[in-house]
């Protein structure tokens, strides 16, 4: 039962990891004018991704110093998600034995 809970948490963290990666790549494409934000669908999609990721980035941005125009909060959030997945994997392996 507990291993199933770990599996669901791991699946959620995998989805979150892909959302962070997609949001970061799309923000770069918007910054370099590759993606047109005048398109209603794209604007809505980017807005939804920002609403999902902003609560994750906000505490990280408060702690990180200002690096000019570069935002490292997606990278830090991604590293935290990967670290949590590794810890949960180790905990699940310990509980399995």
PDB file of N, CA and C in Angstrom:
ATOM      1  N   UNK A   1       0.821  -1.202   0.000  1.00  0.00           N
ATOM      2  CA  UNK A   1       0.000   0.000   0.000  1.00  0.00           C
ATOM      3  C   UNK A   1       0.863   1.263   0.000  1.00  0.00           C
ATOM      4  N   UNK A   2       1.876   1.238   0.870  1.00  0.00           N
ATOM      5  CA  UNK A   2       2.744   2.413   0.967  1.00  0.00           C
ATOM      6  C   UNK A   2       3.573   2.597  -0.299  1.00  0.00           C
ATOM      7  N   UNK A   3       3.955   1.494  -0.920  1.00  0.00           N
ATOM      8  CA  UNK A   3       4.712   1.589  -2.170  1.00  0.00           C
ATOM      9  C   UNK A   3       3.856   2.174  -3.293  1.00  0.00           C
ATOM     10  N   UNK A   4       2.559   1.897  -3.254  1.00  0.00           N
ATOM     11  CA  UNK A   4       1.654   2.484  -4.249  1.00  0.00           C
ATOM     12  C   UNK A   4       1.565   3.995  -4.060  1.00  0.00           C
ATOM     13  N   UNK A   5       1.552   4.436  -2.813  1.00  0.00           N
ATOM     14  CA  UNK A   5       1.527   5.879  -2.536  1.00  0.00           C
ATOM     15  C   UNK A   5       2.808   6.525  -3.054  1.00  0.00           C
ATOM     16  N   UNK A   6       3.950   5.862  -2.823  1.00  0.00           N
ATOM     17  CA  UNK A   6       5.214   6.379  -3.348  1.00  0.00           C
ATOM     18  C   UNK A   6       5.202   6.431  -4.873  1.00  0.00           C
ATOM     19  N   UNK A   7       4.577   5.444  -5.498  1.00  0.00           N
ATOM     20  CA  UNK A   7       4.471   5.441  -6.955  1.00  0.00           C
ATOM     21  C   UNK A   7       3.640   6.600  -7.473  1.00  0.00           C
ATOM     22  N   UNK A   8       2.545   6.904  -6.789  1.00  0.00           N
ATOM     23  CA  UNK A   8       1.696   8.030  -7.194  1.00  0.00           C
ATOM     24  C   UNK A   8       2.434   9.347  -6.995  1.00  0.00           C
ATOM     25  N   UNK A   9       3.146   9.485  -5.872  1.00  0.00           N
ATOM     26  CA  UNK A   9       3.924  10.711  -5.626  1.00  0.00           C
ATOM     27  C   UNK A   9       5.015  10.858  -6.673  1.00  0.00           C
ATOM     28  N   UNK A  10       5.665   9.754  -7.019  1.00  0.00           N
ATOM     29  CA  UNK A  10       6.712   9.794  -8.043  1.00  0.00           C
ATOM     30  C   UNK A  10       6.138  10.191  -9.400  1.00  0.00           C
ATOM     31  N   UNK A  11       4.954   9.684  -9.740  1.00  0.00           N
ATOM     32  CA  UNK A  11       4.296  10.060 -10.987  1.00  0.00           C
ATOM     33  C   UNK A  11       3.970  11.552 -10.998  1.00  0.00           C
ATOM     34  N   UNK A  12       3.453  12.064  -9.892  1.00  0.00           N
ATOM     35  CA  UNK A  12       3.166  13.496  -9.774  1.00  0.00           C
ATOM     36  C   UNK A  12       4.434  14.325  -9.946  1.00  0.00           C
ATOM     37  N   UNK A  13       5.524  13.879  -9.340  1.00  0.00           N
ATOM     38  CA  UNK A  13       6.783  14.610  -9.465  1.00  0.00           C
ATOM     39  C   UNK A  13       7.339  14.542 -10.884  1.00  0.00           C
ATOM     40  N   UNK A  14       7.123  13.433 -11.592  1.00  0.00           N
ATOM     41  CA  UNK A  14       7.525  13.337 -13.007  1.00  0.00           C
ATOM     42  C   UNK A  14       6.756  14.354 -13.856  1.00  0.00           C
ATOM     43  N   UNK A  15       5.453  14.433 -13.633  1.00  0.00           N
ATOM     44  CA  UNK A  15       4.639  15.401 -14.376  1.00  0.00           C
ATOM     45  C   UNK A  15       5.084  16.820 -14.052  1.00  0.00           C
ATOM     46  N   UNK A  16       5.364  17.079 -12.782  1.00  0.00           N
ATOM     47  CA  UNK A  16       5.825  18.407 -12.379  1.00  0.00           C
ATOM     48  C   UNK A  16       7.165  18.740 -13.020  1.00  0.00           C
ATOM     49  N   UNK A  17       8.037  17.753 -13.113  1.00  0.00           N
ATOM     50  CA  UNK A  17       9.340  17.981 -13.740  1.00  0.00           C
ATOM     51  C   UNK A  17       9.162  18.372 -15.208  1.00  0.00           C
ATOM     52  N   UNK A  18       8.258  17.685 -15.937  1.00  0.00           N
ATOM     53  CA  UNK A  18       8.019  18.025 -17.340  1.00  0.00           C
ATOM     54  C   UNK A  18       7.362  19.391 -17.485  1.00  0.00           C
ATOM     55  N   UNK A  19       6.489  19.742 -16.561  1.00  0.00           N
ATOM     56  CA  UNK A  19       5.863  21.070 -16.610  1.00  0.00           C
ATOM     57  C   UNK A  19       6.909  22.156 -16.438  1.00  0.00           C
ATOM     58  N   UNK A  20       7.848  21.965 -15.519  1.00  0.00           N
ATOM     59  CA  UNK A  20       8.913  22.952 -15.306  1.00  0.00           C
ATOM     60  C   UNK A  20       9.783  23.072 -16.547  1.00  0.00           C
ATOM     61  N   UNK A  21      10.141  21.955 -17.161  1.00  0.00           N
ATOM     62  CA  UNK A  21      10.987  21.983 -18.359  1.00  0.00           C
ATOM     63  C   UNK A  21      10.263  22.676 -19.506  1.00  0.00           C
ATOM     64  N   UNK A  22       9.000  22.330 -19.733  1.00  0.00           N
ATOM     65  CA  UNK A  22       8.233  22.938 -20.823  1.00  0.00           C
ATOM     66  C   UNK A  22       8.063  24.431 -20.592  1.00  0.00           C
ATOM     67  N   UNK A  23       7.777  24.826 -19.360  1.00  0.00           N
ATOM     68  CA  UNK A  23       7.594  26.247 -19.061  1.00  0.00           C
ATOM     69  C   UNK A  23       8.890  27.022 -19.280  1.00  0.00           C
ATOM     70  N   UNK A  24      10.016  26.455 -18.883  1.00  0.00           N
ATOM     71  CA  UNK A  24      11.293  27.141 -19.062  1.00  0.00           C
ATOM     72  C   UNK A  24      11.626  27.305 -20.548  1.00  0.00           C
ATOM     73  N   UNK A  25      11.435  26.258 -21.313  1.00  0.00           N
ATOM     74  CA  UNK A  25      11.730  26.328 -22.758  1.00  0.00           C
ATOM     75  C   UNK A  25      10.808  27.320 -23.452  1.00  0.00           C
ATOM     76  N   UNK A  26       9.517  27.279 -23.116  1.00  0.00           N
ATOM     77  CA  UNK A  26       8.586  28.222 -23.742  1.00  0.00           C
ATOM     78  C   UNK A  26       8.882  29.666 -23.338  1.00  0.00           C
ATOM     79  N   UNK A  27       9.335  29.891 -22.117  1.00  0.00           N
ATOM     80  CA  UNK A  27       9.681  31.264 -21.722  1.00  0.00           C
ATOM     81  C   UNK A  27      10.886  31.769 -22.509  1.00  0.00           C
ATOM     82  N   UNK A  28      11.841  30.876 -22.819  1.00  0.00           N
ATOM     83  CA  UNK A  28      12.969  31.280 -23.656  1.00  0.00           C
ATOM     84  C   UNK A  28      12.500  31.601 -25.064  1.00  0.00           C
ATOM     85  N   UNK A  29      11.606  30.771 -25.603  1.00  0.00           N
ATOM     86  CA  UNK A  29      11.102  31.010 -26.954  1.00  0.00           C
ATOM     87  C   UNK A  29      10.309  32.313 -27.038  1.00  0.00           C
ATOM     88  N   UNK A  30       9.598  32.657 -25.994  1.00  0.00           N
ATOM     89  CA  UNK A  30       8.881  33.937 -25.963  1.00  0.00           C
ATOM     90  C   UNK A  30       9.878  35.088 -25.868  1.00  0.00           C
ATOM     91  N   UNK A  31      10.929  34.910 -25.055  1.00  0.00           N
ATOM     92  CA  UNK A  31      11.924  35.975 -24.888  1.00  0.00           C
ATOM     93  C   UNK A  31      12.672  36.270 -26.189  1.00  0.00           C
ATOM     94  N   UNK A  32      12.881  35.238 -27.015  1.00  0.00           N
ATOM     95  CA  UNK A  32      13.587  35.426 -28.282  1.00  0.00           C
ATOM     96  C   UNK A  32      12.640  35.628 -29.464  1.00  0.00           C
ATOM     97  N   UNK A  33      11.370  35.901 -29.183  1.00  0.00           N
ATOM     98  CA  UNK A  33      10.343  36.192 -30.187  1.00  0.00           C
ATOM     99  C   UNK A  33      10.170  35.070 -31.210  1.00  0.00           C
ATOM    100  N   UNK A  34      10.337  33.840 -30.769  1.00  0.00           N
ATOM    101  CA  UNK A  34      10.074  32.704 -31.640  1.00  0.00           C
ATOM    102  C   UNK A  34       8.589  32.362 -31.597  1.00  0.00           C
ATOM    103  N   UNK A  35       8.001  32.509 -30.407  1.00  0.00           N
ATOM    104  CA  UNK A  35       6.579  32.237 -30.221  1.00  0.00           C
ATOM    105  C   UNK A  35       5.840  33.562 -30.137  1.00  0.00           C
ATOM    106  N   UNK A  36       4.762  33.663 -30.888  1.00  0.00           N
ATOM    107  CA  UNK A  36       3.937  34.863 -30.910  1.00  0.00           C
ATOM    108  C   UNK A  36       2.920  34.785 -29.771  1.00  0.00           C
ATOM    109  N   UNK A  37       2.974  35.728 -28.847  1.00  0.00           N
ATOM    110  CA  UNK A  37       2.045  35.718 -27.721  1.00  0.00           C
ATOM    111  C   UNK A  37       0.728  36.408 -28.057  1.00  0.00           C
ATOM    112  N   UNK A  38       0.562  36.875 -29.280  1.00  0.00           N
ATOM    113  CA  UNK A  38      -0.716  37.462 -29.688  1.00  0.00           C
ATOM    114  C   UNK A  38      -1.735  36.380 -30.030  1.00  0.00           C
ATOM    115  N   UNK A  39      -1.275  35.139 -30.186  1.00  0.00           N
ATOM    116  CA  UNK A  39      -2.157  34.014 -30.424  1.00  0.00           C
ATOM    117  C   UNK A  39      -2.886  33.694 -29.112  1.00  0.00           C
ATOM    118  N   UNK A  40      -4.217  33.609 -29.153  1.00  0.00           N
ATOM    119  CA  UNK A  40      -4.999  33.402 -27.936  1.00  0.00           C
ATOM    120  C   UNK A  40      -4.687  32.070 -27.267  1.00  0.00           C
ATOM    121  N   UNK A  41      -4.554  31.011 -28.051  1.00  0.00           N
ATOM    122  CA  UNK A  41      -4.264  29.705 -27.462  1.00  0.00           C
ATOM    123  C   UNK A  41      -2.916  29.706 -26.764  1.00  0.00           C
ATOM    124  N   UNK A  42      -1.901  30.254 -27.417  1.00  0.00           N
ATOM    125  CA  UNK A  42      -0.563  30.250 -26.837  1.00  0.00           C
ATOM    126  C   UNK A  42      -0.504  31.123 -25.591  1.00  0.00           C
ATOM    127  N   UNK A  43      -1.178  32.256 -25.627  1.00  0.00           N
ATOM    128  CA  UNK A  43      -1.211  33.134 -24.459  1.00  0.00           C
ATOM    129  C   UNK A  43      -1.896  32.436 -23.287  1.00  0.00           C
ATOM    130  N   UNK A  44      -2.989  31.724 -23.553  1.00  0.00           N
ATOM    131  CA  UNK A  44      -3.698  31.005 -22.499  1.00  0.00           C
ATOM    132  C   UNK A  44      -2.845  29.864 -21.952  1.00  0.00           C
ATOM    133  N   UNK A  45      -2.170  29.143 -22.840  1.00  0.00           N
ATOM    134  CA  UNK A  45      -1.309  28.034 -22.427  1.00  0.00           C
ATOM    135  C   UNK A  45      -0.147  28.534 -21.570  1.00  0.00           C
ATOM    136  N   UNK A  46       0.493  29.613 -21.995  1.00  0.00           N
ATOM    137  CA  UNK A  46       1.599  30.181 -21.217  1.00  0.00           C
ATOM    138  C   UNK A  46       1.118  30.710 -19.869  1.00  0.00           C
ATOM    139  N   UNK A  47      -0.059  31.305 -19.861  1.00  0.00           N
ATOM    140  CA  UNK A  47      -0.638  31.813 -18.620  1.00  0.00           C
ATOM    141  C   UNK A  47      -0.922  30.673 -17.648  1.00  0.00           C
ATOM    142  N   UNK A  48      -1.434  29.554 -18.166  1.00  0.00           N
ATOM    143  CA  UNK A  48      -1.713  28.394 -17.314  1.00  0.00           C
ATOM    144  C   UNK A  48      -0.416  27.815 -16.737  1.00  0.00           C
ATOM    145  N   UNK A  49       0.614  27.717 -17.559  1.00  0.00           N
ATOM    146  CA  UNK A  49       1.894  27.214 -17.067  1.00  0.00           C
ATOM    147  C   UNK A  49       2.485  28.141 -16.016  1.00  0.00           C
ATOM    148  N   UNK A  50       2.349  29.450 -16.222  1.00  0.00           N
ATOM    149  CA  UNK A  50       2.841  30.401 -15.227  1.00  0.00           C
ATOM    150  C   UNK A  50       2.092  30.270 -13.907  1.00  0.00           C
ATOM    151  N   UNK A  51       0.800  30.044 -13.979  1.00  0.00           N
ATOM    152  CA  UNK A  51       0.014  29.885 -12.749  1.00  0.00           C
ATOM    153  C   UNK A  51       0.355  28.598 -12.016  1.00  0.00           C
ATOM    154  N   UNK A  52       0.741  27.571 -12.744  1.00  0.00           N
ATOM    155  CA  UNK A  52       1.128  26.312 -12.106  1.00  0.00           C
ATOM    156  C   UNK A  52       2.497  26.434 -11.452  1.00  0.00           C
ATOM    157  N   UNK A  53       3.441  27.068 -12.135  1.00  0.00           N
ATOM    158  CA  UNK A  53       4.822  27.084 -11.656  1.00  0.00           C
ATOM    159  C   UNK A  53       5.153  28.247 -10.737  1.00  0.00           C
ATOM    160  N   UNK A  54       4.399  29.312 -10.782  1.00  0.00           N
ATOM    161  CA  UNK A  54       4.725  30.483  -9.964  1.00  0.00           C
ATOM    162  C   UNK A  54       4.748  30.190  -8.462  1.00  0.00           C
ATOM    163  N   UNK A  55       3.807  29.402  -7.907  1.00  0.00           N
ATOM    164  CA  UNK A  55       3.927  29.094  -6.470  1.00  0.00           C
ATOM    165  C   UNK A  55       5.186  28.301  -6.126  1.00  0.00           C
ATOM    166  N   UNK A  56       5.738  27.561  -7.072  1.00  0.00           N
ATOM    167  CA  UNK A  56       6.997  26.858  -6.830  1.00  0.00           C
ATOM    168  C   UNK A  56       8.187  27.805  -6.886  1.00  0.00           C
ATOM    169  N   UNK A  57       8.136  28.739  -7.811  1.00  0.00           N
ATOM    170  CA  UNK A  57       9.271  29.635  -8.031  1.00  0.00           C
ATOM    171  C   UNK A  57       9.353  30.765  -7.009  1.00  0.00           C
ATOM    172  N   UNK A  58       8.236  31.208  -6.480  1.00  0.00           N
ATOM    173  CA  UNK A  58       8.211  32.384  -5.613  1.00  0.00           C
ATOM    174  C   UNK A  58       9.126  32.248  -4.395  1.00  0.00           C
ATOM    175  N   UNK A  59       9.066  31.145  -3.620  1.00  0.00           N
ATOM    176  CA  UNK A  59       9.981  31.055  -2.472  1.00  0.00           C
ATOM    177  C   UNK A  59      11.440  30.942  -2.900  1.00  0.00           C
ATOM    178  N   UNK A  60      11.689  30.324  -4.034  1.00  0.00           N
ATOM    179  CA  UNK A  60      13.065  30.198  -4.522  1.00  0.00           C
ATOM    180  C   UNK A  60      13.593  31.567  -4.938  1.00  0.00           C
ATOM    181  N   UNK A  61      12.768  32.362  -5.588  1.00  0.00           N
ATOM    182  CA  UNK A  61      13.193  33.696  -6.025  1.00  0.00           C
ATOM    183  C   UNK A  61      13.477  34.616  -4.855  1.00  0.00           C
ATOM    184  N   UNK A  62      12.778  34.407  -3.726  1.00  0.00           N
ATOM    185  CA  UNK A  62      13.049  35.222  -2.543  1.00  0.00           C
ATOM    186  C   UNK A  62      14.418  34.921  -1.955  1.00  0.00           C
ATOM    187  N   UNK A  63      14.867  33.667  -2.081  1.00  0.00           N
ATOM    188  CA  UNK A  63      16.138  33.259  -1.492  1.00  0.00           C
ATOM    189  C   UNK A  63      17.314  33.545  -2.425  1.00  0.00           C
ATOM    190  N   UNK A  64      17.137  33.322  -3.726  1.00  0.00           N
ATOM    191  CA  UNK A  64      18.231  33.515  -4.680  1.00  0.00           C
ATOM    192  C   UNK A  64      18.564  34.994  -4.847  1.00  0.00           C
ATOM    193  N   UNK A  65      19.847  35.311  -5.003  1.00  0.00           N
ATOM    194  CA  UNK A  65      20.206  36.706  -5.293  1.00  0.00           C
ATOM    195  C   UNK A  65      19.822  37.080  -6.718  1.00  0.00           C
ATOM    196  N   UNK A  66      19.871  38.363  -7.015  1.00  0.00           N
ATOM    197  CA  UNK A  66      19.530  38.846  -8.348  1.00  0.00           C
ATOM    198  C   UNK A  66      20.710  38.590  -9.291  1.00  0.00           C
ATOM    199  N   UNK A  67      20.444  37.863 -10.366  1.00  0.00           N
ATOM    200  CA  UNK A  67      21.470  37.546 -11.355  1.00  0.00           C
ATOM    201  C   UNK A  67      21.292  38.358 -12.627  1.00  0.00           C
ATOM    202  N   UNK A  68      20.670  39.498 -12.534  1.00  0.00           N
ATOM    203  CA  UNK A  68      20.413  40.308 -13.712  1.00  0.00           C
ATOM    204  C   UNK A  68      19.164  39.816 -14.406  1.00  0.00           C
ATOM    205  N   UNK A  69      19.265  39.515 -15.684  1.00  0.00           N
ATOM    206  CA  UNK A  69      18.105  39.073 -16.448  1.00  0.00           C
ATOM    207  C   UNK A  69      17.917  37.570 -16.486  1.00  0.00           C
ATOM    208  N   UNK A  70      18.760  36.833 -15.761  1.00  0.00           N
ATOM    209  CA  UNK A  70      18.691  35.372 -15.797  1.00  0.00           C
ATOM    210  C   UNK A  70      17.939  34.879 -14.569  1.00  0.00           C
ATOM    211  N   UNK A  71      16.962  33.998 -14.790  1.00  0.00           N
ATOM    212  CA  UNK A  71      16.158  33.440 -13.707  1.00  0.00           C
ATOM    213  C   UNK A  71      16.550  31.977 -13.516  1.00  0.00           C
ATOM    214  N   UNK A  72      17.178  31.688 -12.384  1.00  0.00           N
ATOM    215  CA  UNK A  72      17.617  30.333 -12.096  1.00  0.00           C
ATOM    216  C   UNK A  72      16.606  29.542 -11.273  1.00  0.00           C
ATOM    217  N   UNK A  73      15.454  30.122 -10.980  1.00  0.00           N
ATOM    218  CA  UNK A  73      14.478  29.429 -10.140  1.00  0.00           C
ATOM    219  C   UNK A  73      13.933  28.149 -10.787  1.00  0.00           C
ATOM    220  N   UNK A  74      13.717  28.061 -12.123  1.00  0.00           N
ATOM    221  CA  UNK A  74      13.301  26.767 -12.678  1.00  0.00           C
ATOM    222  C   UNK A  74      14.358  25.681 -12.497  1.00  0.00           C
ATOM    223  N   UNK A  75      15.624  26.053 -12.622  1.00  0.00           N
ATOM    224  CA  UNK A  75      16.696  25.076 -12.438  1.00  0.00           C
ATOM    225  C   UNK A  75      16.730  24.572 -10.998  1.00  0.00           C
ATOM    226  N   UNK A  76      16.604  25.483 -10.049  1.00  0.00           N
ATOM    227  CA  UNK A  76      16.611  25.090  -8.641  1.00  0.00           C
ATOM    228  C   UNK A  76      15.390  24.227  -8.326  1.00  0.00           C
ATOM    229  N   UNK A  77      14.220  24.606  -8.845  1.00  0.00           N
ATOM    230  CA  UNK A  77      13.008  23.814  -8.617  1.00  0.00           C
ATOM    231  C   UNK A  77      13.154  22.426  -9.219  1.00  0.00           C
ATOM    232  N   UNK A  78      13.754  22.336 -10.385  1.00  0.00           N
ATOM    233  CA  UNK A  78      13.973  21.046 -11.026  1.00  0.00           C
ATOM    234  C   UNK A  78      14.929  20.180 -10.202  1.00  0.00           C
ATOM    235  N   UNK A  79      15.979  20.773  -9.679  1.00  0.00           N
ATOM    236  CA  UNK A  79      16.914  20.027  -8.832  1.00  0.00           C
ATOM    237  C   UNK A  79      16.248  19.549  -7.547  1.00  0.00           C
ATOM    238  N   UNK A  80      15.372  20.359  -6.974  1.00  0.00           N
ATOM    239  CA  UNK A  80      14.652  19.959  -5.760  1.00  0.00           C
ATOM    240  C   UNK A  80      13.714  18.792  -6.061  1.00  0.00           C
ATOM    241  N   UNK A  81      13.004  18.851  -7.183  1.00  0.00           N
ATOM    242  CA  UNK A  81      12.097  17.763  -7.557  1.00  0.00           C
ATOM    243  C   UNK A  81      12.883  16.471  -7.774  1.00  0.00           C
ATOM    244  N   UNK A  82      14.021  16.542  -8.437  1.00  0.00           N
ATOM    245  CA  UNK A  82      14.839  15.355  -8.670  1.00  0.00           C
ATOM    246  C   UNK A  82      15.379  14.807  -7.353  1.00  0.00           C
ATOM    247  N   UNK A  83      15.790  15.691  -6.447  1.00  0.00           N
ATOM    248  CA  UNK A  83      16.280  15.241  -5.141  1.00  0.00           C
ATOM    249  C   UNK A  83      15.173  14.551  -4.344  1.00  0.00           C
ATOM    250  N   UNK A  84      13.964  15.088  -4.381  1.00  0.00           N
ATOM    251  CA  UNK A  84      12.842  14.456  -3.681  1.00  0.00           C
ATOM    252  C   UNK A  84      12.544  13.085  -4.285  1.00  0.00           C
ATOM    253  N   UNK A  85      12.608  12.986  -5.612  1.00  0.00           N
ATOM    254  CA  UNK A  85      12.376  11.689  -6.254  1.00  0.00           C
ATOM    255  C   UNK A  85      13.442  10.673  -5.842  1.00  0.00           C
ATOM    256  N   UNK A  86      14.684  11.099  -5.745  1.00  0.00           N
ATOM    257  CA  UNK A  86      15.747  10.185  -5.329  1.00  0.00           C
ATOM    258  C   UNK A  86      15.549   9.739  -3.885  1.00  0.00           C
ATOM    259  N   UNK A  87      15.165  10.674  -3.016  1.00  0.00           N
ATOM    260  CA  UNK A  87      14.922  10.319  -1.620  1.00  0.00           C
ATOM    261  C   UNK A  87      13.742   9.366  -1.480  1.00  0.00           C
ATOM    262  N   UNK A  88      12.672   9.616  -2.234  1.00  0.00           N
ATOM    263  CA  UNK A  88      11.519   8.722  -2.183  1.00  0.00           C
ATOM    264  C   UNK A  88      11.857   7.345  -2.749  1.00  0.00           C
ATOM    265  N   UNK A  89      12.679   7.302  -3.782  1.00  0.00           N
ATOM    266  CA  UNK A  89      13.096   6.019  -4.344  1.00  0.00           C
ATOM    267  C   UNK A  89      13.912   5.219  -3.340  1.00  0.00           C
ATOM    268  N   UNK A  90      14.816   5.878  -2.645  1.00  0.00           N
ATOM    269  CA  UNK A  90      15.600   5.198  -1.614  1.00  0.00           C
ATOM    270  C   UNK A  90      14.733   4.734  -0.459  1.00  0.00           C
ATOM    271  N   UNK A  91      13.780   5.566  -0.058  1.00  0.00           N
ATOM    272  CA  UNK A  91      12.880   5.193   1.025  1.00  0.00           C
ATOM    273  C   UNK A  91      11.987   4.025   0.627  1.00  0.00           C
ATOM    274  N   UNK A  92      11.519   4.032  -0.623  1.00  0.00           N
ATOM    275  CA  UNK A  92      10.694   2.927  -1.109  1.00  0.00           C
ATOM    276  C   UNK A  92      11.508   1.636  -1.185  1.00  0.00           C
ATOM    277  N   UNK A  93      12.774   1.734  -1.588  1.00  0.00           N
ATOM    278  CA  UNK A  93      13.620   0.546  -1.641  1.00  0.00           C
ATOM    279  C   UNK A  93      13.888   0.005  -0.244  1.00  0.00           C
ATOM    280  N   UNK A  94      14.065   0.877   0.738  1.00  0.00           N
ATOM    281  CA  UNK A  94      14.272   0.437   2.117  1.00  0.00           C
ATOM    282  C   UNK A  94      13.015  -0.232   2.666  1.00  0.00           C
ATOM    283  N   UNK A  95      11.859   0.300   2.326  1.00  0.00           N
ATOM    284  CA  UNK A  95      10.622  -0.282   2.836  1.00  0.00           C
ATOM    285  C   UNK A  95      10.280  -1.592   2.148  1.00  0.00           C
ATOM    286  N   UNK A  96      10.777  -1.793   0.945  1.00  0.00           N
ATOM    287  CA  UNK A  96      10.482  -3.013   0.209  1.00  0.00           C
ATOM    288  C   UNK A  96      11.212  -4.225   0.790  1.00  0.00           C
ATOM    289  N   UNK A  97      12.342  -3.978   1.445  1.00  0.00           N
ATOM    290  CA  UNK A  97      13.115  -5.096   2.004  1.00  0.00           C
ATOM    291  C   UNK A  97      12.714  -5.413   3.411  1.00  0.00           C
TER     292      UNK A  97
END
